[in-house]
Amino acid sequence: MRSHKVLNITQPHVHIQNTFQNELGISKILAQILANRGIRTVKEAEIFLKPKIEHLLDPYTFTDMHKAVGLVKKAQAAKEGVLVFGDYDVDGITALTVLKETLNKMGLEVSHHLPKRT
């Protein structure tokens, strides 16, 4: 028995599409994607499309970030190896790669583990 999937498509935000298209020189499709993400102003769209370092969130808002940094510094000082776990999707593999390269540049010997995809 086959199940049928229902695709719900958000109604277009014509005003936002037109504004973004005129002000930012982007397509109506991209403008609608931004609107679907909750972006409503040209300023918000510019920040999303052309991010700057000052727009990033403070990494210390993550739970236990101070503890994690301390563990990395401790491993670095003791010349210990580090094992980094990732997950098997595009952002997981990308994050794993960036973290591994960063830790390597800090002089740490880094191994990684990705779960088997089943």
Protein backbone atom coordinates (compact mmCIF):
# COMPACT_ATOMS: atom_id res chain seq x y z
CA MET A 1 0.00 0.00 0.00
CA ARG A 2 1.40 3.35 -1.02
CA SER A 3 0.99 6.40 1.09
CA HIS A 4 0.48 9.70 -0.61
CA LYS A 5 2.41 12.70 0.56
CA VAL A 6 0.79 16.09 0.61
CA LEU A 7 2.93 19.05 -0.34
CA ASN A 8 1.81 22.24 1.35
CA ILE A 9 2.99 25.31 -0.52
CA THR A 10 2.97 28.64 1.26
CA GLN A 11 0.98 31.37 -0.45
CA PRO A 12 3.29 33.85 -2.16
CA HIS A 13 4.12 37.09 -0.37
CA VAL A 14 3.78 39.24 -3.48
CA HIS A 15 4.64 42.52 -1.73
CA ILE A 16 7.81 41.02 -0.19
CA GLN A 17 8.74 39.38 -3.49
CA ASN A 18 8.43 42.67 -5.36
CA THR A 19 10.25 44.67 -2.69
CA PHE A 20 13.16 42.24 -2.48
CA GLN A 21 13.34 41.88 -6.25
CA ASN A 22 13.48 45.66 -6.73
CA GLU A 23 15.71 46.56 -3.76
CA LEU A 24 18.09 43.59 -3.85
CA GLY A 25 18.02 42.57 -7.51
CA ILE A 26 17.07 38.97 -6.71
CA SER A 27 14.53 36.67 -8.31
CA LYS A 28 10.98 36.32 -7.04
CA ILE A 29 11.74 32.69 -6.20
CA LEU A 30 14.64 33.65 -3.93
CA ALA A 31 12.54 36.44 -2.45
CA GLN A 32 9.80 33.93 -1.62
CA ILE A 33 12.33 31.55 -0.04
CA LEU A 34 13.51 34.38 2.20
CA ALA A 35 9.91 35.22 3.09
CA ASN A 36 9.26 31.56 3.91
CA ARG A 37 12.20 31.75 6.35
CA GLY A 38 10.51 34.63 8.15
CA ILE A 39 12.62 37.38 6.59
CA ARG A 40 10.40 40.41 6.12
CA THR A 41 12.62 43.46 5.63
CA VAL A 42 15.29 44.42 3.13
CA LYS A 43 17.78 44.83 6.01
CA GLU A 44 17.08 41.28 7.27
CA ALA A 45 17.47 39.96 3.72
CA GLU A 46 20.78 41.78 3.25
CA ILE A 47 22.12 40.36 6.52
CA PHE A 48 21.06 36.86 5.45
CA LEU A 49 22.43 37.12 1.90
CA LYS A 50 25.65 38.99 2.75
CA PRO A 51 26.56 37.90 6.28
CA LYS A 52 29.37 39.55 8.21
CA ILE A 53 31.29 38.27 11.19
CA GLU A 54 29.49 40.69 13.52
CA HIS A 55 26.16 39.08 12.59
CA LEU A 56 27.19 35.71 13.99
CA LEU A 57 25.83 34.57 17.33
CA ASP A 58 28.15 34.56 20.34
CA PRO A 59 29.44 30.95 20.53
CA TYR A 60 29.39 31.12 24.32
CA THR A 61 25.59 31.09 24.23
CA PHE A 62 25.90 27.33 23.56
CA THR A 63 25.51 25.22 26.68
CA ASP A 64 28.86 24.22 28.21
CA MET A 65 30.96 26.09 25.63
CA HIS A 66 33.32 27.29 28.36
CA LYS A 67 33.76 23.67 29.45
CA ALA A 68 34.42 22.53 25.87
CA VAL A 69 37.03 25.25 25.30
CA GLY A 70 38.68 24.30 28.58
CA LEU A 71 38.87 20.64 27.52
CA VAL A 72 40.42 21.57 24.17
CA LYS A 73 43.01 23.79 25.87
CA LYS A 74 43.77 21.01 28.36
CA ALA A 75 44.24 18.46 25.56
CA GLN A 76 46.45 20.92 23.69
CA ALA A 77 48.66 21.55 26.72
CA ALA A 78 48.95 17.82 27.49
CA LYS A 79 49.49 16.97 23.80
CA GLU A 80 46.56 14.56 23.97
CA GLY A 81 44.66 13.29 20.97
CA VAL A 82 41.09 14.38 20.34
CA LEU A 83 38.19 12.37 18.92
CA VAL A 84 35.47 14.35 17.13
CA PHE A 85 32.05 12.85 16.42
CA GLY A 86 30.05 13.93 13.39
CA ASP A 87 26.81 12.98 11.74
CA TYR A 88 26.22 11.78 8.24
CA ASP A 89 24.56 14.69 6.50
CA VAL A 90 25.93 17.66 4.60
CA ASP A 91 26.09 20.11 7.50
CA GLY A 92 27.37 17.41 9.88
CA ILE A 93 30.24 16.44 7.60
CA THR A 94 31.04 20.10 6.89
CA ALA A 95 31.08 20.96 10.61
CA LEU A 96 33.26 17.93 11.32
CA THR A 97 35.74 18.97 8.64
CA VAL A 98 35.94 22.58 9.82
CA LEU A 99 36.38 21.53 13.46
CA LYS A 100 38.98 18.91 12.60
CA GLU A 101 41.03 21.34 10.47
CA THR A 102 40.84 24.01 13.16
CA LEU A 103 42.02 21.63 15.89
CA ASN A 104 44.80 20.35 13.62
CA LYS A 105 45.99 23.94 13.08
CA MET A 106 46.09 24.31 16.87
CA GLY A 107 48.55 21.42 16.94
CA LEU A 108 46.16 18.73 18.14
CA GLU A 109 46.10 15.23 16.71
CA VAL A 110 42.49 14.68 15.72
CA SER A 111 40.59 11.52 14.83
CA HIS A 112 36.95 11.43 13.86
CA HIS A 113 33.98 9.11 13.93
CA LEU A 114 31.00 9.14 11.59
CA PRO A 115 28.21 6.66 12.27
CA LYS A 116 27.51 4.09 9.58
CA ARG A 117 24.65 5.07 7.37
CA THR A 118 22.05 2.35 7.34
